[in-house]
Protein backbone atom coordinates (compact mmCIF):
# COMPACT_ATOMS: atom_id res chain seq x y z
CA MET A 1 106.09 104.70 83.47
CA PRO A 2 105.20 106.97 86.81
CA THR A 3 108.06 106.47 89.75
CA LEU A 4 107.16 106.84 93.57
CA ARG A 5 109.71 107.80 95.90
CA PRO A 6 109.84 109.42 99.84
CA VAL A 7 112.23 111.37 100.29
CA VAL A 8 112.41 111.40 104.82
CA ARG A 9 112.93 114.88 106.31
CA GLY A 10 112.61 114.98 110.25
CA LYS A 11 109.38 113.18 110.82
CA MET A 12 107.41 113.10 108.34
CA PRO A 13 108.51 111.79 104.74
CA LEU A 14 108.15 114.08 101.80
CA TRP A 15 106.84 112.22 98.54
CA HIS A 16 107.56 112.42 95.01
CA ILE A 17 105.53 111.01 92.29
CA SER A 18 106.41 111.54 88.56
CA SER A 19 105.53 110.17 85.22
CA SER A 20 105.57 112.30 81.96
CA PHE A 21 102.38 113.71 82.66
CA CYS A 22 101.75 114.68 86.36
CA GLN A 23 103.87 115.76 89.12
CA VAL A 24 102.97 115.36 92.62
CA GLN A 25 104.52 115.85 95.97
CA ALA A 26 102.88 115.15 98.97
CA LYS A 27 103.81 115.44 102.99
CA GLY A 28 101.58 114.59 106.10
CA THR A 29 100.79 112.35 108.32
CA THR A 30 97.53 109.95 108.68
CA GLU A 31 96.01 112.56 109.51
CA ALA A 32 96.83 115.30 107.28
CA ILE A 33 98.17 115.83 103.83
CA ASP A 34 99.40 118.86 102.24
CA TYR A 35 99.99 118.15 98.40
CA ASN A 36 101.41 120.24 94.75
CA VAL A 37 99.89 118.56 91.62
CA ASP A 38 101.45 120.13 88.16
CA ALA A 39 100.13 118.15 85.44
CA ASP A 40 99.65 118.86 81.74
CA LEU A 41 96.31 118.08 80.82
CA ALA A 42 96.66 116.95 77.03
CA GLN A 43 99.18 114.35 78.01
CA ILE A 44 96.73 113.70 80.71
CA GLN A 45 93.75 113.05 78.08
CA SER A 46 96.34 110.78 76.43
CA PHE A 47 97.07 108.26 79.52
CA ALA A 48 93.76 108.28 80.42
CA LYS A 49 92.58 106.82 76.73
CA GLN A 50 94.07 103.52 77.31
CA PHE A 51 91.35 103.20 80.24
CA ALA A 52 88.02 105.03 79.11
CA ASP A 53 86.19 105.92 75.80
CA LEU A 54 86.40 109.87 75.97
CA GLY A 55 84.49 110.21 72.70
CA ALA A 56 85.34 113.67 70.68
CA TRP A 57 86.56 115.67 73.76
CA GLN A 58 90.21 117.12 73.34
CA LEU A 59 91.72 118.96 77.05
CA ALA A 60 94.79 121.09 77.04
CA GLY A 61 96.17 123.08 79.34
CA LYS A 62 98.44 123.17 82.52
CA LEU A 63 97.45 122.30 85.57
CA ALA A 64 98.96 123.89 89.02
CA ALA A 65 97.32 123.02 92.43
CA GLN A 66 97.72 123.14 96.11
CA GLY A 67 95.65 122.39 99.19
CA ASN A 68 95.38 119.98 102.51
CA VAL A 69 93.42 116.98 102.66
CA GLN A 70 92.61 116.50 106.48
CA LEU A 71 91.41 112.73 107.04
CA GLY A 72 88.93 112.33 110.07
CA LYS A 73 86.97 109.40 111.71
CA ASP A 74 83.35 110.41 110.13
CA ALA A 75 84.99 113.43 107.72
CA THR A 76 87.15 114.17 105.17
CA VAL A 77 87.98 117.71 104.36
CA VAL A 78 89.62 119.33 101.32
CA LYS A 79 91.41 122.44 100.95
CA ALA A 80 92.54 123.84 97.79
CA GLN A 81 93.87 126.45 95.19
CA THR A 82 93.51 125.30 91.54
CA LYS A 83 94.61 126.88 88.33
CA VAL A 84 94.48 126.52 84.86
CA ASP A 85 96.71 128.02 82.23
CA GLN A 86 95.52 127.86 78.35
CA LEU A 87 92.63 125.54 79.08
CA VAL A 88 91.10 124.27 75.95
CA VAL A 89 88.92 122.11 75.72
CA ARG A 90 86.86 121.46 72.29
CA LYS A 91 84.56 118.34 70.72
CA ASP A 92 86.38 116.92 67.28
């Protein structure tokens, strides 16, 4: 079961979101959020199969991402760096 817990540091909370397949840390304000994500693609796919038919495709690999989201009145801007190690995509 995923857990969500805020850790307050100064004026901006630091959020830790954790599950068996993904860990997220995020902090910021209502206008800007900085985040880091580490995820296991095979475990995400296994979890997602509860909700969607993913067919015969199989994923594996480790995803790491970090970035910033700017939430403006008229636009949302996302800047990110993402890395996937040992990526495997196959059709059974």
